[in-house]
Amino acid sequence: MSDGNQSGQQRRDTMTDSFPYEVKEYSAQGARTVAIEAIREVPLTIYLNGREVVTLLCTGKYPRHLAVGFLKSDALITDPAQLAGVSIKDEGERITADVTVHHDPFSGGRTIQRSITSGCGKGTNFDRNVETISKRRVSSTLKVRPAQILALAAELKRRSTLYDRTRGCHNSSLCTPDEMLLFREDIGRHNAIDMIVGECFLDGIETTDKMIVSTGRVASEILLKTVRIGVSLLASTAVATSFSVELARKIGMTLIGNIKADSFWVYNDPGRILAD
């Protein structure tokens, strides 16, 4: 157990996803000193061709995938062939991601319009993204049974060891009906999903026959990120917002929420969920 006043230099030298502290806990039984872990929070600033795009607050895990995933989610890059390089610099208290591309992502007078989203992150062109996605129609051959969805949600919970230690993160996963392929965790659910987006984008992972199972409220920006990589089913242990429900119904996305041990809500499904 480290001292609760652990120095900043020690923290910078310890590239971990959580830090130990001693805190006072008050309860009906009185006060006591307890050992806890607080999840790491560090700013990740993304530069695109030398231009600052956004600063995300994250755990610092998978910064390359997170940076590229954010740019892909925001349509600043659309093809892996556009990438010239990704350079990550982690200084402990700050991370920078310098992404260079062969094309001009700001051509045509495109501007960066930062907007704070309900997902605790920053979207740069929210209105334009909604307009673009609203014109799509999601299609895939994915079929899944309710029991498989419940099993994947249970697996997500089993893998959530950082949450168990800190109570300070969200979890997301890329799955087939039978298997969890990728599992990512971060202080923001948008970051966890962007890590998956970035890895799929960089490694050429097929996603149209996959689903995302996640924790956290499904706000519209979360739905937009999954649609951009071709995922046709998004399921969460939390609920969805009205905007997400309406958008899912408009584009034909299967949207599931409020997953419990033996039940869940289906906000929209054009036939991908099979009866058990």
Protein backbone atom coordinates (compact mmCIF):
# COMPACT_ATOMS: atom_id res chain seq x y z
CA MET A 1 0.00 0.00 0.00
CA SER A 2 1.54 3.30 -1.09
CA ASP A 3 1.26 6.44 0.97
CA GLY A 4 -1.77 8.54 0.15
CA ASN A 5 0.56 11.45 -0.59
CA GLN A 6 2.48 9.61 -3.29
CA SER A 7 4.46 12.17 -5.27
CA GLY A 8 3.59 13.33 -8.77
CA GLN A 9 6.97 12.15 -10.01
CA GLN A 10 6.34 8.65 -8.70
CA ARG A 11 2.98 8.63 -10.48
CA ARG A 12 4.56 9.77 -13.74
CA ASP A 13 7.10 6.98 -13.48
CA THR A 14 4.40 4.37 -12.87
CA MET A 15 2.57 3.80 -16.14
CA THR A 16 -0.43 2.10 -14.63
CA ASP A 17 -4.18 2.34 -15.06
CA SER A 18 -4.86 3.10 -11.39
CA PHE A 19 -3.18 4.56 -8.30
CA PRO A 20 -3.50 3.55 -4.63
CA TYR A 21 -4.75 5.93 -1.96
CA GLU A 22 -5.87 5.85 1.63
CA VAL A 23 -9.21 7.55 2.25
CA LYS A 24 -11.60 8.02 5.14
CA GLU A 25 -14.81 6.02 4.86
CA TYR A 26 -17.82 7.12 6.89
CA SER A 27 -20.71 4.73 7.51
CA ALA A 28 -23.27 3.83 10.15
CA GLN A 29 -20.47 2.03 11.98
CA GLY A 30 -18.39 5.22 12.16
CA ALA A 31 -15.17 6.31 10.41
CA ARG A 32 -12.30 4.16 9.26
CA THR A 33 -9.30 4.36 6.95
CA VAL A 34 -9.56 2.18 3.84
CA ALA A 35 -7.30 1.46 0.89
CA ILE A 36 -8.77 2.26 -2.51
CA GLU A 37 -7.61 2.56 -6.11
CA ALA A 38 -8.41 5.58 -8.29
CA ILE A 39 -8.41 5.14 -12.04
CA ARG A 40 -5.77 7.06 -13.99
CA GLU A 41 -7.04 10.14 -15.83
CA VAL A 42 -4.71 11.77 -18.34
CA PRO A 43 -5.31 14.18 -21.26
CA LEU A 44 -4.62 12.83 -24.74
CA THR A 45 -4.25 15.63 -27.29
CA ILE A 46 -4.66 14.58 -30.91
CA TYR A 47 -2.92 16.49 -33.70
CA LEU A 48 -3.75 15.87 -37.34
CA ASN A 49 -1.12 17.07 -39.82
CA GLY A 50 0.18 19.35 -37.09
CA ARG A 51 -3.19 20.84 -36.28
CA GLU A 52 -4.74 20.32 -32.85
CA VAL A 53 -8.07 18.53 -33.18
CA VAL A 54 -9.19 17.59 -29.69
CA THR A 55 -8.11 16.68 -26.17
CA LEU A 56 -9.66 13.55 -24.71
CA LEU A 57 -9.50 12.53 -21.06
CA CYS A 58 -8.63 8.85 -20.80
CA THR A 59 -6.67 6.19 -18.93
CA GLY A 60 -3.82 6.35 -21.44
CA LYS A 61 -4.34 2.77 -22.59
CA TYR A 62 -4.16 1.98 -26.32
CA PRO A 63 -3.51 5.65 -27.28
CA ARG A 64 -2.75 4.79 -30.92
CA HIS A 65 -6.04 2.97 -31.39
CA LEU A 66 -7.91 5.66 -29.46
CA ALA A 67 -6.48 8.54 -31.53
CA VAL A 68 -7.08 6.84 -34.87
CA GLY A 69 -10.49 5.61 -33.75
CA PHE A 70 -11.58 9.11 -32.78
CA LEU A 71 -10.48 10.51 -36.16
CA LYS A 72 -12.22 7.65 -37.97
CA SER A 73 -15.39 8.12 -35.92
CA ASP A 74 -15.38 11.79 -36.85
CA ALA A 75 -14.71 11.04 -40.56
CA LEU A 76 -11.44 12.99 -40.61
CA ILE A 77 -9.89 9.81 -41.97
CA THR A 78 -11.87 7.24 -43.92
CA ASP A 79 -9.29 4.82 -45.38
CA PRO A 80 -6.21 3.24 -43.73
CA ALA A 81 -4.25 4.08 -46.89
CA GLN A 82 -4.59 7.76 -45.97
CA LEU A 83 -2.39 7.29 -42.91
CA ALA A 84 1.25 8.34 -43.20
CA GLY A 85 2.14 7.83 -39.55
CA VAL A 86 1.03 7.85 -35.93
CA SER A 87 3.45 9.04 -33.24
CA ILE A 88 2.58 8.71 -29.55
CA LYS A 89 4.38 10.57 -26.77
CA ASP A 90 3.44 9.70 -23.19
CA GLU A 91 4.91 12.08 -20.63
CA GLY A 92 2.95 10.65 -17.71
CA GLU A 93 0.80 13.71 -17.05
CA ARG A 94 -0.02 14.25 -20.74
CA ILE A 95 -0.10 12.17 -23.91
CA THR A 96 0.13 13.54 -27.44
CA ALA A 97 -0.79 11.71 -30.62
CA ASP A 98 0.63 13.18 -33.82
CA VAL A 99 -1.25 11.69 -36.75
CA THR A 100 -0.15 12.48 -40.28
CA VAL A 101 -2.15 11.69 -43.40
CA HIS A 102 -1.49 11.93 -47.12
CA HIS A 103 -4.66 13.87 -47.86
CA ASP A 104 -5.85 17.27 -46.64
CA PRO A 105 -8.56 16.51 -44.04
CA PHE A 106 -9.43 20.20 -43.85
CA SER A 107 -9.91 20.78 -47.56
CA GLY A 108 -12.92 22.66 -48.83
CA GLY A 109 -12.84 25.04 -45.91
CA ARG A 110 -13.81 22.35 -43.42
CA THR A 111 -13.51 23.64 -39.88
CA ILE A 112 -13.17 21.94 -36.53
CA GLN A 113 -16.28 22.72 -34.51
CA ARG A 114 -15.81 21.25 -31.06
CA SER A 115 -18.95 20.42 -29.13
CA ILE A 116 -19.23 18.84 -25.69
CA THR A 117 -21.24 15.63 -25.94
CA SER A 118 -23.20 13.80 -23.27
CA GLY A 119 -20.72 10.94 -23.61
CA CYS A 120 -18.22 13.04 -21.63
CA GLY A 121 -16.07 13.56 -24.69
CA LYS A 122 -15.78 16.07 -27.49
CA GLY A 123 -17.26 15.65 -30.93
CA THR A 124 -15.89 17.95 -33.60
CA ASN A 125 -18.67 17.97 -36.19
CA PHE A 126 -21.72 16.50 -34.50
CA ASP A 127 -24.41 18.00 -36.73
CA ARG A 128 -22.62 16.96 -39.91
CA ASN A 129 -22.11 13.43 -38.59
CA VAL A 130 -25.80 13.04 -37.74
CA GLU A 131 -26.81 14.32 -41.15
CA THR A 132 -24.45 11.90 -42.91
CA ILE A 133 -25.39 8.84 -40.85
CA SER A 134 -29.13 9.58 -41.11
CA LYS A 135 -28.92 8.93 -44.85
CA ARG A 136 -27.60 5.40 -44.35
CA ARG A 137 -29.47 2.15 -44.06
CA VAL A 138 -27.75 -0.45 -41.90
CA SER A 139 -27.72 -3.93 -43.39
CA SER A 140 -26.03 -7.17 -42.35
CA THR A 141 -26.63 -10.91 -42.12
CA LEU A 142 -25.97 -10.95 -38.36
CA LYS A 143 -28.32 -13.16 -36.35
CA VAL A 144 -28.15 -13.57 -32.58
CA ARG A 145 -30.24 -15.27 -29.92
CA PRO A 146 -31.28 -13.59 -26.65
CA ALA A 147 -29.31 -16.15 -24.64
CA GLN A 148 -26.15 -15.21 -26.53
CA ILE A 149 -26.64 -11.53 -25.75
CA LEU A 150 -27.07 -12.31 -22.04
CA ALA A 151 -23.98 -14.52 -22.09
CA LEU A 152 -21.85 -11.79 -23.73
CA ALA A 153 -23.05 -9.20 -21.20
CA ALA A 154 -22.10 -11.59 -18.40
CA GLU A 155 -18.67 -12.06 -19.99
CA LEU A 156 -18.25 -8.28 -20.19
CA LYS A 157 -18.90 -8.07 -16.45
CA ARG A 158 -16.44 -10.88 -15.71
CA ARG A 159 -13.67 -9.10 -17.61
CA SER A 160 -14.30 -5.76 -15.90
CA THR A 161 -11.47 -6.09 -13.37
CA LEU A 162 -10.44 -2.42 -13.60
CA TYR A 163 -13.99 -1.41 -12.76
CA ASP A 164 -14.00 -3.83 -9.83
CA ARG A 165 -10.83 -2.18 -8.50
CA THR A 166 -11.71 1.47 -9.12
CA ARG A 167 -15.45 1.78 -9.88
CA GLY A 168 -14.31 4.40 -12.38
CA CYS A 169 -14.53 3.07 -15.93
CA HIS A 170 -16.74 1.83 -18.73
CA ASN A 171 -16.22 -1.28 -20.81
CA SER A 172 -16.87 -2.10 -24.46
CA SER A 173 -16.37 -5.20 -26.53
CA LEU A 174 -16.51 -6.35 -30.14
CA CYS A 175 -18.26 -9.71 -30.39
CA THR A 176 -19.62 -12.39 -32.61
CA PRO A 177 -22.73 -14.09 -31.27
CA ASP A 178 -20.50 -16.81 -29.80
CA GLU A 179 -17.31 -14.99 -28.78
CA MET A 180 -15.91 -11.75 -27.37
CA LEU A 181 -13.10 -10.73 -29.73
CA LEU A 182 -11.95 -7.40 -28.27
CA PHE A 183 -12.41 -5.97 -24.78
CA ARG A 184 -11.50 -2.37 -23.93
CA GLU A 185 -12.01 -0.22 -20.82
CA ASP A 186 -11.61 3.49 -20.14
CA ILE A 187 -12.97 6.32 -18.00
CA GLY A 188 -15.32 7.25 -20.87
CA ARG A 189 -17.47 4.83 -22.83
CA HIS A 190 -16.78 6.86 -25.99
CA ASN A 191 -13.04 6.22 -25.53
CA ALA A 192 -13.53 2.49 -25.05
CA ILE A 193 -15.54 2.30 -28.26
CA ASP A 194 -13.07 4.50 -30.17
CA MET A 195 -10.28 2.08 -29.19
CA ILE A 196 -12.25 -0.69 -30.86
CA VAL A 197 -13.00 1.52 -33.87
CA GLY A 198 -9.30 2.34 -34.25
CA GLU A 199 -8.13 -1.25 -33.96
CA CYS A 200 -10.70 -2.51 -36.46
CA PHE A 201 -9.80 0.32 -38.84
CA LEU A 202 -6.02 -0.21 -38.60
CA ASP A 203 -6.07 -4.02 -38.65
CA GLY A 204 -8.80 -4.45 -41.26
CA ILE A 205 -11.14 -6.35 -38.93
CA GLU A 206 -14.48 -7.08 -40.58
CA THR A 207 -17.29 -5.59 -38.51
CA THR A 208 -20.52 -5.93 -40.48
CA ASP A 209 -21.06 -9.39 -38.97
CA LYS A 210 -20.14 -8.26 -35.44
CA MET A 211 -21.86 -6.50 -32.55
CA ILE A 212 -20.72 -4.16 -29.79
CA VAL A 213 -21.65 -4.94 -26.20
CA SER A 214 -20.95 -2.10 -23.81
CA THR A 215 -21.66 -0.44 -20.50
CA GLY A 216 -22.96 3.08 -20.11
CA ARG A 217 -25.82 5.15 -21.45
CA VAL A 218 -26.27 4.93 -25.23
CA ALA A 219 -26.28 8.57 -26.27
CA SER A 220 -26.40 9.47 -29.95
CA GLU A 221 -22.65 9.98 -30.34
CA ILE A 222 -22.07 6.41 -29.15
CA LEU A 223 -24.49 5.08 -31.75
CA LEU A 224 -22.83 7.18 -34.46
CA LYS A 225 -19.40 5.70 -33.70
CA THR A 226 -20.64 2.12 -34.06
CA VAL A 227 -22.51 2.82 -37.28
CA ARG A 228 -19.40 4.37 -38.87
CA ILE A 229 -17.55 1.04 -38.78
CA GLY A 230 -20.51 -0.96 -40.05
CA VAL A 231 -21.65 -2.59 -36.80
CA SER A 232 -25.35 -3.37 -37.01
CA LEU A 233 -26.12 -4.26 -33.39
CA LEU A 234 -25.29 -2.21 -30.31
CA ALA A 235 -26.16 -3.55 -26.86
CA SER A 236 -25.61 -1.90 -23.50
CA THR A 237 -26.17 -2.69 -19.87
CA ALA A 238 -27.56 0.86 -19.53
CA VAL A 239 -30.41 2.66 -21.26
CA ALA A 240 -30.56 4.63 -24.52
CA THR A 241 -31.54 8.25 -25.10
CA SER A 242 -34.53 9.21 -27.23
CA PHE A 243 -32.25 10.56 -29.97
CA SER A 244 -30.47 7.21 -30.19
CA VAL A 245 -33.75 5.29 -30.35
CA GLU A 246 -35.11 7.49 -33.13
CA LEU A 247 -31.85 7.32 -35.09
CA ALA A 248 -31.62 3.53 -34.73
CA ARG A 249 -35.17 3.14 -36.02
CA LYS A 250 -34.49 5.47 -38.92
CA ILE A 251 -31.38 3.68 -40.18
CA GLY A 252 -32.26 0.07 -39.27
CA MET A 253 -29.83 -0.42 -36.39
CA THR A 254 -30.54 -3.08 -33.79
CA LEU A 255 -30.41 -1.30 -30.43
CA ILE A 256 -30.55 -3.11 -27.09
CA GLY A 257 -30.35 -1.64 -23.60
CA ASN A 258 -30.93 -2.21 -19.91
CA ILE A 259 -29.34 -5.67 -19.97
CA LYS A 260 -29.79 -7.51 -16.69
CA ALA A 261 -28.90 -11.05 -15.66
CA ASP A 262 -31.95 -12.50 -17.41
CA SER A 263 -33.58 -9.70 -19.42
CA PHE A 264 -33.02 -6.73 -21.71
CA TRP A 265 -34.91 -4.10 -23.69
CA VAL A 266 -35.03 -4.04 -27.49
CA TYR A 267 -35.50 -0.48 -28.71
CA ASN A 268 -35.30 -1.47 -32.35
CA ASP A 269 -34.66 -4.63 -34.33
CA PRO A 270 -35.34 -5.29 -38.01
CA GLY A 271 -34.97 -9.07 -37.59
CA ARG A 272 -31.47 -9.76 -36.27
CA ILE A 273 -32.63 -11.20 -32.93
CA LEU A 274 -33.83 -14.79 -33.19
CA ALA A 275 -36.33 -16.35 -30.82
CA ASP A 276 -34.77 -18.86 -28.41
